[in-house]
Protein backbone atom coordinates (compact mmCIF):
# COMPACT_ATOMS: atom_id res chain seq x y z
CA MET A 1 -0.03 0.02 0.02
CA ASP A 2 1.22 3.59 -0.99
CA ARG A 3 2.12 5.77 2.00
CA SER A 4 0.28 9.21 2.25
CA ILE A 5 1.84 11.50 4.61
CA VAL A 6 0.58 15.04 5.42
CA HIS A 7 2.81 17.65 7.17
CA ILE A 8 0.88 20.50 8.76
CA ASP A 9 2.62 23.57 10.01
CA LEU A 10 0.98 26.52 11.75
CA ASP A 11 2.39 29.61 9.81
CA THR A 12 4.46 32.10 11.86
CA PHE A 13 2.82 30.47 14.79
CA PHE A 14 3.67 32.82 17.72
CA VAL A 15 2.80 35.92 15.56
CA SER A 16 -0.43 34.42 14.35
CA VAL A 17 -1.43 34.00 18.09
CA GLU A 18 -0.48 37.54 18.81
CA ARG A 19 -2.45 38.84 15.71
CA LEU A 20 -5.53 37.05 16.78
CA LEU A 21 -5.45 38.61 20.17
CA ASP A 22 -4.59 42.09 18.62
CA SER A 23 -5.78 42.88 15.19
CA SER A 24 -3.72 46.25 14.80
CA LEU A 25 -0.68 43.90 14.49
CA ASN A 26 -1.97 42.60 11.06
CA ASN A 27 -0.07 43.38 8.01
CA ILE A 28 2.91 45.06 9.82
CA PRO A 29 6.38 43.72 10.81
CA VAL A 30 6.04 41.97 14.06
CA LEU A 31 8.98 40.55 16.29
CA VAL A 32 8.27 38.03 19.08
CA GLY A 33 11.06 37.57 21.57
CA GLY A 34 13.43 38.76 24.16
CA THR A 35 12.64 42.68 24.72
CA ASN A 36 16.01 43.34 26.52
CA GLY A 37 18.90 45.04 24.96
CA ARG A 38 20.66 41.45 24.36
CA GLY A 39 17.41 39.50 23.65
CA VAL A 40 16.83 37.31 20.67
CA VAL A 41 14.01 36.96 17.94
CA ALA A 42 11.90 33.87 18.63
CA ALA A 43 9.54 34.52 15.56
CA CYS A 44 9.02 37.17 13.08
CA SER A 45 6.35 37.95 10.71
CA TYR A 46 6.48 37.60 6.75
CA GLU A 47 6.72 41.48 6.60
CA ALA A 48 9.78 41.43 8.96
CA ARG A 49 11.34 38.73 6.89
CA LYS A 50 11.46 40.86 4.03
CA TYR A 51 13.99 42.90 5.80
CA GLY A 52 16.43 39.85 6.21
CA ILE A 53 15.28 39.04 9.82
CA HIS A 54 15.05 35.52 10.94
CA SER A 55 14.66 33.44 14.02
CA ALA A 56 17.46 33.57 16.61
CA MET A 57 18.83 36.86 15.38
CA PRO A 58 19.79 39.37 18.25
CA MET A 59 16.86 41.68 18.71
CA TRP A 60 18.92 44.74 18.50
CA MET A 61 19.89 43.78 14.88
CA ALA A 62 16.51 42.96 13.96
CA GLN A 63 15.49 46.42 15.13
CA ARG A 64 18.18 47.92 13.08
CA LEU A 65 17.11 46.33 10.22
CA CYS A 66 13.56 47.29 10.63
CA PRO A 67 13.02 50.07 12.87
CA GLU A 68 9.19 50.18 12.52
CA ALA A 69 8.82 46.66 13.81
CA ILE A 70 6.53 45.97 16.70
CA VAL A 71 8.35 44.11 19.52
CA ILE A 72 6.39 41.56 21.60
CA ARG A 73 7.70 39.67 24.60
CA GLY A 74 5.78 36.62 23.84
CA ASP A 75 3.50 34.39 26.00
CA GLY A 76 4.42 30.69 26.26
CA SER A 77 1.50 29.50 28.09
CA MET A 78 -0.69 31.22 25.68
CA TYR A 79 1.06 29.61 22.61
CA SER A 80 0.58 26.21 24.45
CA LYS A 81 -3.10 26.66 24.59
CA PHE A 82 -3.62 27.33 21.02
CA SER A 83 -1.25 24.45 20.04
CA LYS A 84 -3.45 22.10 22.21
CA MET A 85 -6.56 23.33 20.55
CA VAL A 86 -5.06 22.39 17.05
CA THR A 87 -3.75 19.06 18.48
CA GLU A 88 -7.27 18.18 19.85
CA ILE A 89 -8.67 18.75 16.36
CA ILE A 90 -6.11 16.75 14.79
CA LYS A 91 -6.24 13.88 17.34
CA GLU A 92 -10.21 13.71 16.59
CA GLU A 93 -9.89 13.57 12.86
CA SER A 94 -6.83 11.77 12.14
CA PRO A 95 -5.95 8.06 12.21
CA ILE A 96 -2.30 8.37 13.34
CA TYR A 97 -0.55 11.61 14.06
CA GLU A 98 2.75 12.80 15.50
CA LYS A 99 3.35 16.20 17.07
CA SER A 100 6.80 16.95 16.24
CA SER A 101 6.92 20.58 17.85
CA ILE A 102 4.54 22.90 19.18
CA ASP A 103 3.38 24.13 15.79
CA GLU A 104 4.28 20.98 13.47
CA PHE A 105 2.30 17.83 12.92
CA TYR A 106 2.57 14.71 10.65
CA ILE A 107 -0.38 12.59 9.81
CA ASP A 108 -0.31 9.07 8.41
CA ALA A 109 -3.26 8.99 6.08
CA SER A 110 -2.23 5.91 4.44
CA GLY A 111 -5.33 3.79 2.93
CA MET A 112 -7.93 6.62 3.16
CA ASP A 113 -7.99 6.92 -0.58
CA ARG A 114 -10.27 3.78 -0.34
CA PHE A 115 -12.90 5.71 1.45
CA PHE A 116 -12.25 9.36 0.04
CA GLY A 117 -9.62 11.40 -1.44
CA THR A 118 -6.85 12.07 0.97
CA TYR A 119 -5.91 15.39 -0.57
CA LYS A 120 -9.65 16.47 -0.18
CA TRP A 121 -9.67 15.18 3.35
CA ALA A 122 -6.67 17.02 4.36
CA LYS A 123 -7.89 20.34 2.95
CA GLU A 124 -11.00 19.74 4.91
CA LEU A 125 -9.08 19.19 8.14
CA ARG A 126 -6.91 22.49 7.35
CA GLU A 127 -10.43 24.28 6.87
CA LYS A 128 -11.82 23.03 10.18
CA ILE A 129 -8.79 24.06 12.14
CA ILE A 130 -8.79 27.63 10.40
CA LYS A 131 -12.41 27.93 11.34
CA GLU A 132 -12.17 26.71 15.02
CA THR A 133 -8.90 28.62 15.80
CA GLY A 134 -8.51 31.42 13.37
CA LEU A 135 -4.64 30.26 12.73
CA PRO A 136 -3.28 30.15 9.13
CA ILE A 137 -1.91 26.90 8.29
CA SER A 138 -0.05 25.30 5.47
CA PHE A 139 0.25 21.56 4.64
CA ALA A 140 1.87 19.19 2.01
CA LEU A 141 0.57 15.81 1.08
CA SER A 142 3.40 13.30 -0.14
CA THR A 143 4.69 9.73 0.25
CA ASN A 144 6.90 10.39 3.14
CA LYS A 145 7.87 12.78 5.85
CA THR A 146 10.92 14.52 4.34
CA VAL A 147 8.96 15.44 0.92
CA ALA A 148 6.00 16.60 2.93
CA LYS A 149 7.81 18.72 5.12
CA VAL A 150 9.71 20.30 2.36
CA GLY A 151 6.47 20.84 0.41
CA THR A 152 4.92 22.60 3.25
CA GLY A 153 7.82 25.12 3.15
CA GLU A 154 7.15 25.65 -0.46
CA ALA A 155 3.52 26.03 0.16
CA LYS A 156 3.78 28.87 2.62
CA PRO A 157 2.27 31.02 3.36
CA ASN A 158 -1.20 29.72 4.30
CA ASN A 159 -1.46 27.35 1.39
CA TYR A 160 -1.09 23.79 0.59
CA ILE A 161 0.44 21.36 -2.14
CA ASN A 162 0.23 17.74 -3.40
CA ILE A 163 3.34 16.02 -4.31
CA HIS A 164 2.49 12.92 -6.12
CA LYS A 165 4.16 9.51 -5.96
CA GLY A 166 6.83 9.51 -8.45
CA ASN A 167 7.07 13.17 -8.49
CA GLU A 168 9.15 13.49 -5.38
CA LYS A 169 12.41 13.67 -6.92
CA GLY A 170 11.59 16.12 -9.59
CA PHE A 171 9.93 18.20 -7.07
CA LEU A 172 13.22 18.32 -4.92
CA ALA A 173 15.59 18.70 -7.68
CA PRO A 174 15.50 22.61 -8.17
CA LEU A 175 15.53 23.60 -4.53
CA GLN A 176 18.39 24.67 -2.60
CA VAL A 177 19.88 21.96 -0.52
CA LYS A 178 19.53 23.54 2.72
CA LYS A 179 15.74 23.04 2.45
CA ILE A 180 16.24 19.26 3.38
CA PRO A 181 15.57 18.94 6.96
CA MET A 182 18.69 17.43 8.15
CA VAL A 183 20.99 20.22 6.53
CA GLY A 184 21.94 22.73 9.18
CA ASP A 185 24.25 25.60 8.74
CA LYS A 186 27.50 23.72 9.33
CA SER A 187 26.37 21.04 6.71
CA TYR A 188 25.31 23.69 4.32
CA LYS A 189 28.62 25.48 4.40
CA MET A 190 30.48 22.20 3.90
CA LEU A 191 28.19 21.36 0.75
CA LEU A 192 28.75 24.93 -0.75
CA SER A 193 32.38 24.38 -0.37
CA MET A 194 31.96 21.06 -2.39
CA GLY A 195 30.14 23.36 -4.95
CA VAL A 196 26.74 21.69 -4.01
CA LYS A 197 23.87 24.44 -3.84
CA TYR A 198 20.94 22.61 -5.03
CA VAL A 199 19.39 18.96 -4.53
CA ARG A 200 19.82 18.01 -8.07
CA THR A 201 23.63 18.03 -7.68
CA ILE A 202 23.36 15.53 -4.77
CA GLN A 203 20.82 13.47 -6.79
CA GLU A 204 23.55 13.07 -9.40
CA ILE A 205 26.46 12.37 -7.12
CA PRO A 206 27.12 8.62 -6.44
CA ILE A 207 25.94 7.35 -3.01
CA GLU A 208 29.42 5.83 -2.48
CA LEU A 209 31.00 9.42 -2.69
CA MET A 210 28.47 10.68 -0.25
CA ASP A 211 29.39 7.91 2.17
CA SER A 212 33.19 8.67 1.74
CA ILE A 213 32.74 12.55 2.42
CA MET A 214 30.16 12.49 4.88
CA GLY A 215 29.52 9.00 6.13
CA LYS A 216 26.34 7.78 7.35
CA ASN A 217 25.00 11.29 7.30
CA GLY A 218 26.08 11.50 3.49
CA ILE A 219 24.19 8.39 2.71
CA ALA A 220 20.97 9.74 4.70
CA LEU A 221 21.27 13.09 2.83
CA TRP A 222 21.59 11.26 -0.39
CA LYS A 223 18.43 9.24 0.04
CA LYS A 224 16.52 12.17 1.13
CA ALA A 225 17.59 14.09 -1.86
CA GLN A 226 16.05 11.23 -3.88
CA GLY A 227 12.73 11.56 -2.22
CA ILE A 228 13.42 8.37 -0.09
CA ASP A 229 12.44 8.34 3.40
CA ASN A 230 10.79 5.43 5.07
CA THR A 231 10.79 7.01 8.61
CA PRO A 232 7.25 6.20 10.24
CA VAL A 233 5.02 8.67 11.72
CA GLU A 234 5.40 8.00 15.37
CA PRO A 235 1.91 7.81 17.35
CA TYR A 236 1.71 10.83 19.59
CA SER A 237 1.35 10.55 23.37
CA GLU A 238 1.94 13.50 25.50
CA ARG A 239 4.45 13.04 28.33
CA LYS A 240 3.26 14.92 31.38
CA SER A 241 6.36 15.06 33.57
CA ILE A 242 9.99 13.86 34.05
CA SER A 243 11.37 13.16 37.57
CA SER A 244 14.72 11.92 39.35
CA SER A 245 14.85 10.81 42.99
CA ILE A 246 17.87 9.97 45.00
CA THR A 247 17.98 7.71 48.17
CA LEU A 248 21.29 8.47 49.82
CA GLU A 249 23.55 5.74 50.75
CA LYS A 250 23.90 7.67 54.14
CA ASP A 251 21.41 10.01 55.69
CA THR A 252 22.89 13.48 55.65
CA ILE A 253 22.62 17.04 57.16
CA ASP A 254 25.31 18.47 54.78
CA THR A 255 22.91 21.14 53.06
CA GLN A 256 25.70 22.10 50.33
CA TRP A 257 26.19 18.53 49.34
CA LEU A 258 22.22 18.08 48.87
CA LYS A 259 22.18 21.08 46.76
CA ASN A 260 25.05 19.83 44.47
CA ILE A 261 22.93 16.49 44.19
CA LEU A 262 19.82 18.41 43.21
CA THR A 263 21.87 20.74 40.85
CA ALA A 264 23.07 17.44 39.11
CA MET A 265 19.53 16.16 38.66
CA ALA A 266 18.17 19.54 37.60
CA GLU A 267 20.77 19.87 35.01
CA LYS A 268 20.34 16.16 33.78
CA LEU A 269 16.60 16.41 33.42
CA ALA A 270 16.94 19.85 31.71
CA TYR A 271 19.27 18.10 29.09
CA GLN A 272 16.63 15.39 28.51
CA LEU A 273 13.91 18.00 28.12
CA ARG A 274 15.99 19.69 25.39
CA LYS A 275 16.71 16.09 23.87
CA GLU A 276 13.19 15.34 23.62
CA GLN A 277 12.25 18.91 22.50
CA LYS A 278 10.07 19.54 25.67
CA LEU A 279 9.62 22.65 27.90
CA THR A 280 8.32 22.54 31.42
CA SER A 281 6.51 25.14 33.32
CA VAL A 282 6.20 23.69 36.83
CA VAL A 283 9.16 22.51 39.02
CA THR A 284 8.88 20.26 42.08
CA VAL A 285 11.33 19.40 44.72
CA THR A 286 10.97 16.60 47.29
CA ILE A 287 12.66 16.09 50.70
CA ARG A 288 12.39 12.86 52.74
CA TYR A 289 13.70 13.13 56.26
CA SER A 290 15.45 10.24 58.25
CA ASP A 291 12.06 9.80 59.96
CA PHE A 292 10.23 9.28 56.69
CA ASP A 293 8.37 12.67 56.80
CA THR A 294 8.27 13.84 53.17
CA ARG A 295 7.82 17.32 52.02
CA THR A 296 7.25 18.65 48.72
CA ARG A 297 7.01 22.20 47.25
CA GLN A 298 6.47 23.44 43.57
CA LYS A 299 6.57 26.45 41.57
CA ARG A 300 5.00 27.52 38.31
CA ILE A 301 7.48 29.21 35.72
CA SER A 302 7.68 30.47 32.32
CA TYR A 303 8.10 27.59 29.89
CA THR A 304 11.80 26.76 29.74
CA SER A 305 14.24 23.87 29.28
CA LEU A 306 17.50 25.72 30.27
CA ASP A 307 19.68 24.87 33.04
CA HIS A 308 20.26 28.11 34.59
CA THR A 309 16.66 28.85 35.15
CA LEU A 310 15.58 25.45 36.54
CA ILE A 311 18.62 25.10 38.66
CA LYS A 312 17.85 28.37 40.33
CA THR A 313 14.24 27.17 40.86
CA VAL A 314 15.26 23.99 42.25
CA ILE A 315 17.73 25.36 44.60
CA SER A 316 15.18 28.13 45.90
CA LEU A 317 12.59 25.51 46.52
CA PHE A 318 14.92 23.34 48.40
CA ASP A 319 15.72 26.41 50.61
CA GLN A 320 12.09 26.92 51.35
CA LEU A 321 11.62 23.21 52.17
CA TYR A 322 14.51 22.26 54.25
CA ASP A 323 13.45 23.68 57.68
CA ARG A 324 13.53 20.75 60.10
CA ARG A 325 17.45 20.64 60.50
CA LEU A 326 17.13 16.78 60.44
CA LEU A 327 19.08 14.08 58.55
CA VAL A 328 17.77 13.90 54.90
CA ARG A 329 17.48 10.36 53.26
CA LEU A 330 15.91 11.30 49.87
CA VAL A 331 15.71 14.16 47.47
CA GLY A 332 13.71 14.64 44.34
CA VAL A 333 13.25 16.90 41.24
CA ARG A 334 10.26 16.83 39.03
CA TYR A 335 9.45 18.81 35.87
CA SER A 336 5.91 18.69 34.69
CA SER A 337 2.96 20.58 32.56
CA LEU A 338 5.38 19.53 29.74
CA ILE A 339 4.75 20.82 26.22
CA SER A 340 6.37 20.12 22.95
CA GLY A 341 8.86 23.12 22.16
CA ASN A 342 12.74 23.86 21.94
CA TYR A 343 14.90 26.75 22.02
CA GLN A 344 12.55 29.03 20.11
CA MET A 345 10.35 29.65 23.33
CA ASN A 346 13.36 30.21 25.37
CA LEU A 347 14.29 32.98 23.17
CA PHE A 348 11.57 35.13 24.77
CA GLU A 349 14.26 35.87 27.59
CA ASP A 350 17.57 34.42 26.91
CA THR A 351 20.69 35.99 24.53
CA SER A 352 22.03 34.52 21.53
CA GLU A 353 25.30 33.76 23.48
CA MET A 354 23.32 31.78 26.03
CA ILE A 355 21.48 29.86 23.27
CA SER A 356 24.61 29.24 21.40
CA LEU A 357 26.28 27.92 24.76
CA TYR A 358 23.57 25.50 25.45
CA GLN A 359 23.57 24.25 21.79
CA ALA A 360 27.30 23.68 22.08
CA MET A 361 26.96 21.77 25.38
CA ASP A 362 24.23 19.67 24.08
CA ASN A 363 26.27 18.76 20.98
CA ILE A 364 28.99 17.71 23.23
CA ARG A 365 26.66 15.68 25.30
CA ASN A 366 25.12 14.04 22.24
CA ARG A 367 28.38 13.03 20.93
CA TYR A 368 30.11 11.85 24.01
CA GLY A 369 27.47 11.11 26.65
CA ASN A 370 25.49 13.39 29.00
CA THR A 371 28.13 13.31 31.65
CA ALA A 372 30.68 14.68 29.12
CA ILE A 373 30.24 18.27 30.35
CA ARG A 374 28.98 19.47 33.59
CA ARG A 375 29.03 22.15 36.23
CA VAL A 376 31.90 22.12 38.65
CA SER A 377 29.60 21.83 41.69
CA THR A 378 28.02 18.63 40.43
CA LEU A 379 31.64 16.89 39.87
CA GLY A 380 31.67 13.75 41.99
CA THR A 381 27.68 13.56 42.11
CA ARG A 382 26.70 10.82 39.59
CA ILE A 383 23.03 9.83 39.35
CA ARG A 384 23.79 6.60 38.17
CA ASN A 385 26.49 3.98 39.65
CA GLY A 386 30.23 4.50 38.78
CA GLY A 387 31.56 5.33 42.41
CA SER A 388 28.40 7.04 43.34
CA PRO A 389 28.16 8.20 46.96
CA PHE A 390 24.37 7.66 46.56
CA GLN A 391 21.99 5.40 44.79
CA GLY A 392 19.00 6.65 42.62
CA ASN A 393 17.35 6.65 39.33
CA LEU A 394 15.42 8.52 36.65
CA THR A 395 11.85 8.01 36.06
CA ALA A 396 9.55 9.53 33.84
């Protein structure tokens, strides 16, 4: 059976939500992101993009390029609310769907042509979402996730496209290679140095040469350039929380040591959030004293996945909780009210230097393991075995 994959993207999502709330923002340049002097652009309207503005650009630079642009701080909880509205509609109407980010979805509509036209069904789904939420939406229908995602990019703004079976390679050929999802800035610069600017060139390169130049990534890129992608649509299930709890080998009253342990847990869980492209807005800390009296305290914060914000919150909650001056046998950290999202939301309040630092640290962790780079205060505190001064496990 031929596959039918629909990719849906909520156009300029953050900006679109702000325009629903304030119609005076329509048809003018709008920037959403950090409003302090070193803030960064989280999202921008199409009117602003004409000036060369893009996501993750320093806000001061964007304002210099377009002085008349309206700058908005952004509201993560409001964006999450609208995202959930769209998710519920897709969940109700679709056989299998995957929510890949706060504003992107994949739907496996394979086999639906036996009952009614898949393309017609996708257009009706789009119309229903627009009617019930007011958000502009683009989508593409194709035989796999890669071509569908690229197709959505070509259909924007607020439009749709159908790439029929057999036309995948021809559709991709004239496009710039950076439009293939796996091609980041580093890969794109490397390909340009090889004289590769368009997908057509990769299609003509022998797969063995791509393998020798880029290894497994080269093979994967070559296949995507041919319009080949067998990646399945992963059925979506919303994880509500992640947590870590530690039962100490020996009860302690050393508050600095306990804070080091909590810092290590907070840091590890934050990395897990970013790896899974999640954000949290509720932080909970648990303390169990030696007499088994267990106390918890939580705090609601702006959506984030960054260590420095989460660690600060965790330590603050511990300071509020630890008031009996008794030996402690267990401590724990939990992040809940999770939503799909990544660095983009964090751009509301963080600088470009901070975002770059986290991306660099995560690249090291992804390559060498999650303990390859750590804060000095957490050295000697391992959450799993290996000469650990305590026992514990990570739960979700």
